[in-house]
Amino acid sequence: MEPKDSTENEAYKGFTNSACPFMPCHRGITREFNCLFCYCPLIAYECPGPYTVFTDPRGMRRKDCSDCTLPHDGYRQSWHFIQKWLERPVLWDGHEQTRYRVARPEDAQPEP
């Protein structure tokens, strides 16, 4: 088995569960729908995706990322996007989003 960085098989970067009862859960996807990050690993961190903030019944501020398509838009693109943002994670401090979209790390730009 080759290490993932040298293999040409990129199947680990995503999949589409077309049998999911919630499909399509996000509108506006232009490439293959990636279900790998159904629960985004960036939920607890600063991220560029659009989100709103709400307070749960216990008084905890949380992100609602329902409008975000970044972890789902294309297998390779979303894989690289998540990997780049997890390289230097910054914990989210509960603030409202000040910008609708933050610039993505350069290497995480979608391919044309």
PDB file of N, CA and C in Angstrom:
ATOM      1  N   MET A   1       0.839  -1.189   0.000  1.00  0.00           N
ATOM      2  CA  MET A   1       0.000   0.000   0.000  1.00  0.00           C
ATOM      3  C   MET A   1       0.878   1.244   0.000  1.00  0.00           C
ATOM      4  N   GLU A   2       0.591   2.150  -0.913  1.00  0.00           N
ATOM      5  CA  GLU A   2       1.363   3.382  -1.002  1.00  0.00           C
ATOM      6  C   GLU A   2       0.852   4.411  -0.003  1.00  0.00           C
ATOM      7  N   PRO A   3       1.736   5.290   0.483  1.00  0.00           N
ATOM      8  CA  PRO A   3       1.240   6.391   1.322  1.00  0.00           C
ATOM      9  C   PRO A   3       0.310   7.280   0.500  1.00  0.00           C
ATOM     10  N   LYS A   4      -0.669   7.909   1.151  1.00  0.00           N
ATOM     11  CA  LYS A   4      -1.661   8.684   0.408  1.00  0.00           C
ATOM     12  C   LYS A   4      -1.068   9.834  -0.395  1.00  0.00           C
ATOM     13  N   ASP A   5       0.092  10.349   0.011  1.00  0.00           N
ATOM     14  CA  ASP A   5       0.679  11.472  -0.707  1.00  0.00           C
ATOM     15  C   ASP A   5       1.297  11.066  -2.044  1.00  0.00           C
ATOM     16  N   SER A   6       1.563   9.770  -2.227  1.00  0.00           N
ATOM     17  CA  SER A   6       2.201   9.369  -3.476  1.00  0.00           C
ATOM     18  C   SER A   6       1.301   8.505  -4.362  1.00  0.00           C
ATOM     19  N   THR A   7       0.149   8.131  -3.876  1.00  0.00           N
ATOM     20  CA  THR A   7      -0.724   7.281  -4.672  1.00  0.00           C
ATOM     21  C   THR A   7      -1.477   8.100  -5.715  1.00  0.00           C
ATOM     22  N   GLU A   8      -1.751   7.486  -6.824  1.00  0.00           N
ATOM     23  CA  GLU A   8      -2.548   8.152  -7.850  1.00  0.00           C
ATOM     24  C   GLU A   8      -4.034   7.893  -7.640  1.00  0.00           C
ATOM     25  N   ASN A   9      -4.364   6.938  -6.797  1.00  0.00           N
ATOM     26  CA  ASN A   9      -5.759   6.647  -6.475  1.00  0.00           C
ATOM     27  C   ASN A   9      -6.228   7.650  -5.424  1.00  0.00           C
ATOM     28  N   GLU A  10      -7.152   8.524  -5.796  1.00  0.00           N
ATOM     29  CA  GLU A  10      -7.615   9.569  -4.888  1.00  0.00           C
ATOM     30  C   GLU A  10      -9.011   9.291  -4.343  1.00  0.00           C
ATOM     31  N   ALA A  11      -9.387   8.025  -4.299  1.00  0.00           N
ATOM     32  CA  ALA A  11     -10.723   7.660  -3.836  1.00  0.00           C
ATOM     33  C   ALA A  11     -10.970   8.058  -2.390  1.00  0.00           C
ATOM     34  N   TYR A  12      -9.931   8.202  -1.591  1.00  0.00           N
ATOM     35  CA  TYR A  12     -10.087   8.577  -0.194  1.00  0.00           C
ATOM     36  C   TYR A  12     -10.512  10.035  -0.019  1.00  0.00           C
ATOM     37  N   LYS A  13     -10.492  10.822  -1.083  1.00  0.00           N
ATOM     38  CA  LYS A  13     -10.804  12.245  -0.978  1.00  0.00           C
ATOM     39  C   LYS A  13     -12.289  12.551  -1.015  1.00  0.00           C
ATOM     40  N   GLY A  14     -13.129  11.543  -1.272  1.00  0.00           N
ATOM     41  CA  GLY A  14     -14.548  11.837  -1.258  1.00  0.00           C
ATOM     42  C   GLY A  14     -15.413  10.760  -1.864  1.00  0.00           C
ATOM     43  N   PHE A  15     -16.699  10.923  -1.667  1.00  0.00           N
ATOM     44  CA  PHE A  15     -17.699  10.023  -2.231  1.00  0.00           C
ATOM     45  C   PHE A  15     -19.036  10.743  -2.219  1.00  0.00           C
ATOM     46  N   THR A  16     -19.979  10.231  -2.987  1.00  0.00           N
ATOM     47  CA  THR A  16     -21.333  10.767  -3.004  1.00  0.00           C
ATOM     48  C   THR A  16     -22.287   9.665  -2.588  1.00  0.00           C
ATOM     49  N   ASN A  17     -23.055   9.925  -1.543  1.00  0.00           N
ATOM     50  CA  ASN A  17     -24.062   8.973  -1.081  1.00  0.00           C
ATOM     51  C   ASN A  17     -25.396   9.381  -1.696  1.00  0.00           C
ATOM     52  N   SER A  18     -25.652   8.922  -2.904  1.00  0.00           N
ATOM     53  CA  SER A  18     -26.877   9.313  -3.608  1.00  0.00           C
ATOM     54  C   SER A  18     -28.122   8.689  -2.986  1.00  0.00           C
ATOM     55  N   ALA A  19     -27.961   7.707  -2.101  1.00  0.00           N
ATOM     56  CA  ALA A  19     -29.097   7.090  -1.416  1.00  0.00           C
ATOM     57  C   ALA A  19     -29.458   7.808  -0.111  1.00  0.00           C
ATOM     58  N   CYS A  20     -28.726   8.843   0.235  1.00  0.00           N
ATOM     59  CA  CYS A  20     -28.982   9.574   1.482  1.00  0.00           C
ATOM     60  C   CYS A  20     -30.370  10.212   1.429  1.00  0.00           C
ATOM     61  N   PRO A  21     -31.178  10.050   2.475  1.00  0.00           N
ATOM     62  CA  PRO A  21     -32.527  10.629   2.468  1.00  0.00           C
ATOM     63  C   PRO A  21     -32.528  12.154   2.512  1.00  0.00           C
ATOM     64  N   PHE A  22     -31.388  12.767   2.838  1.00  0.00           N
ATOM     65  CA  PHE A  22     -31.303  14.228   2.908  1.00  0.00           C
ATOM     66  C   PHE A  22     -30.730  14.846   1.640  1.00  0.00           C
ATOM     67  N   MET A  23     -30.361  14.015   0.682  1.00  0.00           N
ATOM     68  CA  MET A  23     -29.757  14.495  -0.568  1.00  0.00           C
ATOM     69  C   MET A  23     -30.813  15.134  -1.440  1.00  0.00           C
ATOM     70  N   PRO A  24     -30.646  16.302  -1.991  1.00  0.00           N
ATOM     71  CA  PRO A  24     -29.476  17.164  -1.839  1.00  0.00           C
ATOM     72  C   PRO A  24     -29.632  18.064  -0.612  1.00  0.00           C
ATOM     73  N   CYS A  25     -28.637  18.067   0.229  1.00  0.00           N
ATOM     74  CA  CYS A  25     -28.707  18.859   1.463  1.00  0.00           C
ATOM     75  C   CYS A  25     -28.171  20.272   1.259  1.00  0.00           C
ATOM     76  N   HIS A  26     -27.387  20.495   0.229  1.00  0.00           N
ATOM     77  CA  HIS A  26     -26.851  21.822  -0.073  1.00  0.00           C
ATOM     78  C   HIS A  26     -27.065  22.105  -1.549  1.00  0.00           C
ATOM     79  N   ARG A  27     -27.564  23.273  -1.859  1.00  0.00           N
ATOM     80  CA  ARG A  27     -27.770  23.698  -3.247  1.00  0.00           C
ATOM     81  C   ARG A  27     -26.541  24.459  -3.737  1.00  0.00           C
ATOM     82  N   GLY A  28     -26.336  24.470  -5.038  1.00  0.00           N
ATOM     83  CA  GLY A  28     -25.273  25.279  -5.624  1.00  0.00           C
ATOM     84  C   GLY A  28     -23.955  24.560  -5.823  1.00  0.00           C
ATOM     85  N   ILE A  29     -23.928  23.254  -5.681  1.00  0.00           N
ATOM     86  CA  ILE A  29     -22.699  22.488  -5.907  1.00  0.00           C
ATOM     87  C   ILE A  29     -22.491  22.383  -7.412  1.00  0.00           C
ATOM     88  N   THR A  30     -21.270  22.719  -7.870  1.00  0.00           N
ATOM     89  CA  THR A  30     -20.999  22.710  -9.310  1.00  0.00           C
ATOM     90  C   THR A  30     -20.189  21.497  -9.753  1.00  0.00           C
ATOM     91  N   ARG A  31     -19.560  20.805  -8.820  1.00  0.00           N
ATOM     92  CA  ARG A  31     -18.784  19.602  -9.140  1.00  0.00           C
ATOM     93  C   ARG A  31     -19.443  18.410  -8.462  1.00  0.00           C
ATOM     94  N   GLU A  32     -18.777  17.245  -8.459  1.00  0.00           N
ATOM     95  CA  GLU A  32     -19.354  16.080  -7.799  1.00  0.00           C
ATOM     96  C   GLU A  32     -19.570  16.398  -6.320  1.00  0.00           C
ATOM     97  N   PHE A  33     -20.700  15.977  -5.787  1.00  0.00           N
ATOM     98  CA  PHE A  33     -21.067  16.278  -4.405  1.00  0.00           C
ATOM     99  C   PHE A  33     -20.255  15.384  -3.469  1.00  0.00           C
ATOM    100  N   ASN A  34     -19.500  15.994  -2.560  1.00  0.00           N
ATOM    101  CA  ASN A  34     -18.655  15.254  -1.635  1.00  0.00           C
ATOM    102  C   ASN A  34     -19.349  15.108  -0.288  1.00  0.00           C
ATOM    103  N   CYS A  35     -19.706  13.877   0.066  1.00  0.00           N
ATOM    104  CA  CYS A  35     -20.362  13.592   1.345  1.00  0.00           C
ATOM    105  C   CYS A  35     -19.362  13.265   2.451  1.00  0.00           C
ATOM    106  N   LEU A  36     -18.069  13.204   2.126  1.00  0.00           N
ATOM    107  CA  LEU A  36     -17.060  12.834   3.112  1.00  0.00           C
ATOM    108  C   LEU A  36     -17.092  13.766   4.332  1.00  0.00           C
ATOM    109  N   PHE A  37     -17.331  15.047   4.094  1.00  0.00           N
ATOM    110  CA  PHE A  37     -17.342  16.013   5.189  1.00  0.00           C
ATOM    111  C   PHE A  37     -18.769  16.425   5.531  1.00  0.00           C
ATOM    112  N   CYS A  38     -19.652  15.440   5.616  1.00  0.00           N
ATOM    113  CA  CYS A  38     -21.043  15.706   5.977  1.00  0.00           C
ATOM    114  C   CYS A  38     -21.091  16.520   7.264  1.00  0.00           C
ATOM    115  N   TYR A  39     -20.308  16.125   8.234  1.00  0.00           N
ATOM    116  CA  TYR A  39     -20.127  16.915   9.457  1.00  0.00           C
ATOM    117  C   TYR A  39     -18.752  17.540   9.339  1.00  0.00           C
ATOM    118  N   CYS A  40     -18.719  18.807   9.044  1.00  0.00           N
ATOM    119  CA  CYS A  40     -17.482  19.509   8.730  1.00  0.00           C
ATOM    120  C   CYS A  40     -16.522  19.526   9.921  1.00  0.00           C
ATOM    121  N   PRO A  41     -15.263  19.158   9.705  1.00  0.00           N
ATOM    122  CA  PRO A  41     -14.281  19.207  10.788  1.00  0.00           C
ATOM    123  C   PRO A  41     -13.901  20.629  11.193  1.00  0.00           C
ATOM    124  N   LEU A  42     -14.385  21.635  10.464  1.00  0.00           N
ATOM    125  CA  LEU A  42     -14.070  23.024  10.803  1.00  0.00           C
ATOM    126  C   LEU A  42     -15.128  23.672  11.692  1.00  0.00           C
ATOM    127  N   ILE A  43     -16.114  22.935  12.145  1.00  0.00           N
ATOM    128  CA  ILE A  43     -17.221  23.515  12.908  1.00  0.00           C
ATOM    129  C   ILE A  43     -16.731  24.254  14.154  1.00  0.00           C
ATOM    130  N   ALA A  44     -15.676  23.797  14.785  1.00  0.00           N
ATOM    131  CA  ALA A  44     -15.175  24.428  16.007  1.00  0.00           C
ATOM    132  C   ALA A  44     -14.089  25.467  15.744  1.00  0.00           C
ATOM    133  N   TYR A  45     -13.760  25.677  14.467  1.00  0.00           N
ATOM    134  CA  TYR A  45     -12.650  26.559  14.119  1.00  0.00           C
ATOM    135  C   TYR A  45     -13.104  27.729  13.258  1.00  0.00           C
ATOM    136  N   GLU A  46     -12.249  28.734  13.208  1.00  0.00           N
ATOM    137  CA  GLU A  46     -12.454  29.825  12.260  1.00  0.00           C
ATOM    138  C   GLU A  46     -12.441  29.220  10.864  1.00  0.00           C
ATOM    139  N   CYS A  47     -13.317  29.694  10.007  1.00  0.00           N
ATOM    140  CA  CYS A  47     -13.362  29.175   8.647  1.00  0.00           C
ATOM    141  C   CYS A  47     -13.964  30.245   7.731  1.00  0.00           C
ATOM    142  N   PRO A  48     -13.791  30.080   6.430  1.00  0.00           N
ATOM    143  CA  PRO A  48     -14.271  31.076   5.492  1.00  0.00           C
ATOM    144  C   PRO A  48     -15.707  30.876   5.040  1.00  0.00           C
ATOM    145  N   GLY A  49     -16.298  29.773   5.395  1.00  0.00           N
ATOM    146  CA  GLY A  49     -17.644  29.477   4.915  1.00  0.00           C
ATOM    147  C   GLY A  49     -18.693  30.366   5.540  1.00  0.00           C
ATOM    148  N   PRO A  50     -19.810  30.569   4.837  1.00  0.00           N
ATOM    149  CA  PRO A  50     -20.884  31.385   5.399  1.00  0.00           C
ATOM    150  C   PRO A  50     -21.557  30.649   6.555  1.00  0.00           C
ATOM    151  N   TYR A  51     -21.756  31.351   7.647  1.00  0.00           N
ATOM    152  CA  TYR A  51     -22.460  30.758   8.778  1.00  0.00           C
ATOM    153  C   TYR A  51     -23.224  31.834   9.539  1.00  0.00           C
ATOM    154  N   THR A  52     -24.199  31.400  10.284  1.00  0.00           N
ATOM    155  CA  THR A  52     -24.896  32.286  11.216  1.00  0.00           C
ATOM    156  C   THR A  52     -24.644  31.729  12.607  1.00  0.00           C
ATOM    157  N   VAL A  53     -24.884  32.537  13.609  1.00  0.00           N
ATOM    158  CA  VAL A  53     -24.652  32.119  14.982  1.00  0.00           C
ATOM    159  C   VAL A  53     -25.989  32.080  15.708  1.00  0.00           C
ATOM    160  N   PHE A  54     -26.179  31.035  16.503  1.00  0.00           N
ATOM    161  CA  PHE A  54     -27.379  30.943  17.318  1.00  0.00           C
ATOM    162  C   PHE A  54     -26.982  30.483  18.713  1.00  0.00           C
ATOM    163  N   THR A  55     -27.873  30.666  19.652  1.00  0.00           N
ATOM    164  CA  THR A  55     -27.643  30.225  21.030  1.00  0.00           C
ATOM    165  C   THR A  55     -28.529  29.021  21.288  1.00  0.00           C
ATOM    166  N   ASP A  56     -27.908  27.915  21.712  1.00  0.00           N
ATOM    167  CA  ASP A  56     -28.675  26.697  21.954  1.00  0.00           C
ATOM    168  C   ASP A  56     -29.421  26.794  23.292  1.00  0.00           C
ATOM    169  N   PRO A  57     -30.294  25.824  23.607  1.00  0.00           N
ATOM    170  CA  PRO A  57     -31.082  25.887  24.838  1.00  0.00           C
ATOM    171  C   PRO A  57     -30.248  25.958  26.121  1.00  0.00           C
ATOM    172  N   ARG A  58     -28.991  25.556  26.050  1.00  0.00           N
ATOM    173  CA  ARG A  58     -28.117  25.621  27.227  1.00  0.00           C
ATOM    174  C   ARG A  58     -27.322  26.923  27.306  1.00  0.00           C
ATOM    175  N   GLY A  59     -27.565  27.821  26.357  1.00  0.00           N
ATOM    176  CA  GLY A  59     -26.879  29.107  26.355  1.00  0.00           C
ATOM    177  C   GLY A  59     -25.548  29.116  25.634  1.00  0.00           C
ATOM    178  N   MET A  60     -25.223  28.041  24.930  1.00  0.00           N
ATOM    179  CA  MET A  60     -23.958  27.953  24.194  1.00  0.00           C
ATOM    180  C   MET A  60     -24.128  28.526  22.803  1.00  0.00           C
ATOM    181  N   ARG A  61     -23.201  29.400  22.391  1.00  0.00           N
ATOM    182  CA  ARG A  61     -23.230  29.947  21.038  1.00  0.00           C
ATOM    183  C   ARG A  61     -22.670  28.902  20.076  1.00  0.00           C
ATOM    184  N   ARG A  62     -23.382  28.708  18.966  1.00  0.00           N
ATOM    185  CA  ARG A  62     -23.005  27.694  17.985  1.00  0.00           C
ATOM    186  C   ARG A  62     -23.116  28.258  16.573  1.00  0.00           C
ATOM    187  N   LYS A  63     -22.407  27.593  15.650  1.00  0.00           N
ATOM    188  CA  LYS A  63     -22.469  27.970  14.240  1.00  0.00           C
ATOM    189  C   LYS A  63     -23.539  27.148  13.538  1.00  0.00           C
ATOM    190  N   ASP A  64     -24.272  27.799  12.647  1.00  0.00           N
ATOM    191  CA  ASP A  64     -25.171  27.106  11.727  1.00  0.00           C
ATOM    192  C   ASP A  64     -24.555  27.266  10.344  1.00  0.00           C
ATOM    193  N   CYS A  65     -24.011  26.189   9.832  1.00  0.00           N
ATOM    194  CA  CYS A  65     -23.290  26.205   8.559  1.00  0.00           C
ATOM    195  C   CYS A  65     -24.129  25.646   7.409  1.00  0.00           C
ATOM    196  N   SER A  66     -25.436  25.687   7.552  1.00  0.00           N
ATOM    197  CA  SER A  66     -26.330  25.089   6.554  1.00  0.00           C
ATOM    198  C   SER A  66     -26.129  25.645   5.155  1.00  0.00           C
ATOM    199  N   ASP A  67     -25.714  26.896   5.032  1.00  0.00           N
ATOM    200  CA  ASP A  67     -25.547  27.514   3.716  1.00  0.00           C
ATOM    201  C   ASP A  67     -24.163  27.298   3.113  1.00  0.00           C
ATOM    202  N   CYS A  68     -23.286  26.607   3.816  1.00  0.00           N
ATOM    203  CA  CYS A  68     -21.914  26.429   3.334  1.00  0.00           C
ATOM    204  C   CYS A  68     -21.813  25.233   2.391  1.00  0.00           C
ATOM    205  N   THR A  69     -21.186  25.445   1.243  1.00  0.00           N
ATOM    206  CA  THR A  69     -20.959  24.362   0.282  1.00  0.00           C
ATOM    207  C   THR A  69     -19.475  24.007   0.147  1.00  0.00           C
ATOM    208  N   LEU A  70     -18.594  24.742   0.802  1.00  0.00           N
ATOM    209  CA  LEU A  70     -17.152  24.559   0.605  1.00  0.00           C
ATOM    210  C   LEU A  70     -16.651  23.131   0.860  1.00  0.00           C
ATOM    211  N   PRO A  71     -17.113  22.417   1.890  1.00  0.00           N
ATOM    212  CA  PRO A  71     -16.608  21.052   2.089  1.00  0.00           C
ATOM    213  C   PRO A  71     -17.263  20.016   1.182  1.00  0.00           C
ATOM    214  N   HIS A  72     -18.180  20.431   0.330  1.00  0.00           N
ATOM    215  CA  HIS A  72     -18.949  19.477  -0.473  1.00  0.00           C
ATOM    216  C   HIS A  72     -18.760  19.613  -1.976  1.00  0.00           C
ATOM    217  N   ASP A  73     -18.149  20.702  -2.437  1.00  0.00           N
ATOM    218  CA  ASP A  73     -18.096  21.023  -3.859  1.00  0.00           C
ATOM    219  C   ASP A  73     -16.871  20.414  -4.537  1.00  0.00           C
ATOM    220  N   GLY A  74     -16.991  19.156  -4.955  1.00  0.00           N
ATOM    221  CA  GLY A  74     -15.906  18.452  -5.638  1.00  0.00           C
ATOM    222  C   GLY A  74     -15.074  17.630  -4.675  1.00  0.00           C
ATOM    223  N   TYR A  75     -14.667  16.448  -5.092  1.00  0.00           N
ATOM    224  CA  TYR A  75     -13.882  15.579  -4.221  1.00  0.00           C
ATOM    225  C   TYR A  75     -12.509  16.177  -3.923  1.00  0.00           C
ATOM    226  N   ARG A  76     -11.739  16.439  -4.954  1.00  0.00           N
ATOM    227  CA  ARG A  76     -10.380  16.962  -4.768  1.00  0.00           C
ATOM    228  C   ARG A  76     -10.403  18.359  -4.150  1.00  0.00           C
ATOM    229  N   GLN A  77     -11.299  19.213  -4.642  1.00  0.00           N
ATOM    230  CA  GLN A  77     -11.343  20.591  -4.175  1.00  0.00           C
ATOM    231  C   GLN A  77     -11.679  20.665  -2.688  1.00  0.00           C
ATOM    232  N   SER A  78     -12.700  19.942  -2.276  1.00  0.00           N
ATOM    233  CA  SER A  78     -13.095  20.017  -0.872  1.00  0.00           C
ATOM    234  C   SER A  78     -12.050  19.359   0.028  1.00  0.00           C
ATOM    235  N   TRP A  79     -11.428  18.286  -0.437  1.00  0.00           N
ATOM    236  CA  TRP A  79     -10.365  17.637   0.334  1.00  0.00           C
ATOM    237  C   TRP A  79      -9.229  18.626   0.597  1.00  0.00           C
ATOM    238  N   HIS A  80      -8.761  19.288  -0.457  1.00  0.00           N
ATOM    239  CA  HIS A  80      -7.655  20.236  -0.305  1.00  0.00           C
ATOM    240  C   HIS A  80      -8.070  21.442   0.537  1.00  0.00           C
ATOM    241  N   PHE A  81      -9.293  21.905   0.381  1.00  0.00           N
ATOM    242  CA  PHE A  81      -9.802  23.010   1.191  1.00  0.00           C
ATOM    243  C   PHE A  81      -9.740  22.667   2.688  1.00  0.00           C
ATOM    244  N   ILE A  82     -10.287  21.521   3.069  1.00  0.00           N
ATOM    245  CA  ILE A  82     -10.298  21.118   4.483  1.00  0.00           C
ATOM    246  C   ILE A  82      -8.872  20.923   4.997  1.00  0.00           C
ATOM    247  N   GLN A  83      -8.024  20.264   4.222  1.00  0.00           N
ATOM    248  CA  GLN A  83      -6.648  20.024   4.664  1.00  0.00           C
ATOM    249  C   GLN A  83      -5.912  21.334   4.924  1.00  0.00           C
ATOM    250  N   LYS A  84      -6.079  22.314   4.047  1.00  0.00           N
ATOM    251  CA  LYS A  84      -5.401  23.597   4.216  1.00  0.00           C
ATOM    252  C   LYS A  84      -5.860  24.317   5.467  1.00  0.00           C
ATOM    253  N   TRP A  85      -7.166  24.327   5.733  1.00  0.00           N
ATOM    254  CA  TRP A  85      -7.673  25.033   6.906  1.00  0.00           C
ATOM    255  C   TRP A  85      -7.347  24.302   8.199  1.00  0.00           C
ATOM    256  N   LEU A  86      -7.097  23.009   8.140  1.00  0.00           N
ATOM    257  CA  LEU A  86      -6.718  22.260   9.347  1.00  0.00           C
ATOM    258  C   LEU A  86      -5.217  22.303   9.626  1.00  0.00           C
ATOM    259  N   GLU A  87      -4.434  22.837   8.692  1.00  0.00           N
ATOM    260  CA  GLU A  87      -2.991  22.951   8.927  1.00  0.00           C
ATOM    261  C   GLU A  87      -2.698  23.888  10.089  1.00  0.00           C
ATOM    262  N   ARG A  88      -3.449  24.976  10.188  1.00  0.00           N
ATOM    263  CA  ARG A  88      -3.261  25.961  11.260  1.00  0.00           C
ATOM    264  C   ARG A  88      -4.616  26.339  11.845  1.00  0.00           C
ATOM    265  N   PRO A  89      -5.246  25.410  12.544  1.00  0.00           N
ATOM    266  CA  PRO A  89      -6.592  25.698  13.061  1.00  0.00           C
ATOM    267  C   PRO A  89      -6.579  26.777  14.148  1.00  0.00           C
ATOM    268  N   VAL A  90      -7.582  27.638  14.089  1.00  0.00           N
ATOM    269  CA  VAL A  90      -7.780  28.666  15.108  1.00  0.00           C
ATOM    270  C   VAL A  90      -9.168  28.433  15.675  1.00  0.00           C
ATOM    271  N   LEU A  91      -9.255  28.227  16.979  1.00  0.00           N
ATOM    272  CA  LEU A  91     -10.554  27.974  17.598  1.00  0.00           C
ATOM    273  C   LEU A  91     -11.503  29.136  17.373  1.00  0.00           C
ATOM    274  N   TRP A  92     -12.735  28.826  17.055  1.00  0.00           N
ATOM    275  CA  TRP A  92     -13.783  29.832  16.880  1.00  0.00           C
ATOM    276  C   TRP A  92     -14.194  30.303  18.269  1.00  0.00           C
ATOM    277  N   ASP A  93     -14.288  31.614  18.440  1.00  0.00           N
ATOM    278  CA  ASP A  93     -14.569  32.169  19.769  1.00  0.00           C
ATOM    279  C   ASP A  93     -16.029  32.561  19.984  1.00  0.00           C
ATOM    280  N   GLY A  94     -16.918  32.176  19.080  1.00  0.00           N
ATOM    281  CA  GLY A  94     -18.339  32.452  19.260  1.00  0.00           C
ATOM    282  C   GLY A  94     -18.822  33.740  18.623  1.00  0.00           C
ATOM    283  N   HIS A  95     -17.939  34.452  17.930  1.00  0.00           N
ATOM    284  CA  HIS A  95     -18.336  35.732  17.332  1.00  0.00           C
ATOM    285  C   HIS A  95     -19.180  35.531  16.072  1.00  0.00           C
ATOM    286  N   GLU A  96     -19.946  36.555  15.754  1.00  0.00           N
ATOM    287  CA  GLU A  96     -20.699  36.575  14.498  1.00  0.00           C
ATOM    288  C   GLU A  96     -19.703  36.668  13.351  1.00  0.00           C
ATOM    289  N   GLN A  97     -20.114  36.196  12.199  1.00  0.00           N
ATOM    290  CA  GLN A  97     -19.242  36.310  11.035  1.00  0.00           C
ATOM    291  C   GLN A  97     -19.242  37.750  10.558  1.00  0.00           C
ATOM    292  N   THR A  98     -18.051  38.311  10.403  1.00  0.00           N
ATOM    293  CA  THR A  98     -17.939  39.706  10.000  1.00  0.00           C
ATOM    294  C   THR A  98     -17.866  39.871   8.492  1.00  0.00           C
ATOM    295  N   ARG A  99     -17.418  38.842   7.815  1.00  0.00           N
ATOM    296  CA  ARG A  99     -17.370  38.854   6.352  1.00  0.00           C
ATOM    297  C   ARG A  99     -18.092  37.630   5.865  1.00  0.00           C
ATOM    298  N   TYR A 100     -18.807  37.762   4.760  1.00  0.00           N
ATOM    299  CA  TYR A 100     -19.527  36.601   4.234  1.00  0.00           C
ATOM    300  C   TYR A 100     -18.572  35.504   3.827  1.00  0.00           C
ATOM    301  N   ARG A 101     -17.488  35.854   3.184  1.00  0.00           N
ATOM    302  CA  ARG A 101     -16.487  34.864   2.779  1.00  0.00           C
ATOM    303  C   ARG A 101     -15.095  35.413   3.067  1.00  0.00           C
ATOM    304  N   VAL A 102     -14.285  34.641   3.715  1.00  0.00           N
ATOM    305  CA  VAL A 102     -12.886  34.956   3.936  1.00  0.00           C
ATOM    306  C   VAL A 102     -12.120  34.306   2.798  1.00  0.00           C
ATOM    307  N   ALA A 103     -11.058  34.931   2.342  1.00  0.00           N
ATOM    308  CA  ALA A 103     -10.269  34.344   1.265  1.00  0.00           C
ATOM    309  C   ALA A 103      -9.745  32.977   1.699  1.00  0.00           C
ATOM    310  N   ARG A 104      -9.807  32.020   0.799  1.00  0.00           N
ATOM    311  CA  ARG A 104      -9.306  30.676   1.082  1.00  0.00           C
ATOM    312  C   ARG A 104      -7.783  30.680   1.001  1.00  0.00           C
ATOM    313  N   PRO A 105      -7.134  29.758   1.693  1.00  0.00           N
ATOM    314  CA  PRO A 105      -5.689  29.633   1.479  1.00  0.00           C
ATOM    315  C   PRO A 105      -5.435  29.407  -0.009  1.00  0.00           C
ATOM    316  N   GLU A 106      -4.341  29.931  -0.497  1.00  0.00           N
ATOM    317  CA  GLU A 106      -4.060  29.910  -1.933  1.00  0.00           C
ATOM    318  C   GLU A 106      -4.150  28.513  -2.541  1.00  0.00           C
ATOM    319  N   ASP A 107      -3.619  27.516  -1.860  1.00  0.00           N
ATOM    320  CA  ASP A 107      -3.619  26.146  -2.402  1.00  0.00           C
ATOM    321  C   ASP A 107      -5.012  25.510  -2.386  1.00  0.00           C
ATOM    322  N   ALA A 108      -5.964  26.130  -1.710  1.00  0.00           N
ATOM    323  CA  ALA A 108      -7.303  25.544  -1.610  1.00  0.00           C
ATOM    324  C   ALA A 108      -8.266  26.153  -2.620  1.00  0.00           C
ATOM    325  N   GLN A 109      -7.772  26.978  -3.529  1.00  0.00           N
ATOM    326  CA  GLN A 109      -8.628  27.569  -4.545  1.00  0.00           C
ATOM    327  C   GLN A 109      -9.175  26.469  -5.436  1.00  0.00           C
ATOM    328  N   PRO A 110     -10.452  26.557  -5.805  1.00  0.00           N
ATOM    329  CA  PRO A 110     -11.001  25.524  -6.686  1.00  0.00           C
ATOM    330  C   PRO A 110     -10.321  25.541  -8.042  1.00  0.00           C
ATOM    331  N   GLU A 111     -10.215  24.383  -8.630  1.00  0.00           N
ATOM    332  CA  GLU A 111      -9.627  24.287  -9.964  1.00  0.00           C
ATOM    333  C   GLU A 111     -10.653  24.718 -10.986  1.00  0.00           C
ATOM    334  N   PRO A 112     -10.217  25.416 -12.059  1.00  0.00           N
ATOM    335  CA  PRO A 112     -11.173  25.875 -13.081  1.00  0.00           C
ATOM    336  C   PRO A 112     -11.850  24.748 -13.810  1.00  0.00           C
TER     337      PRO A 112
END
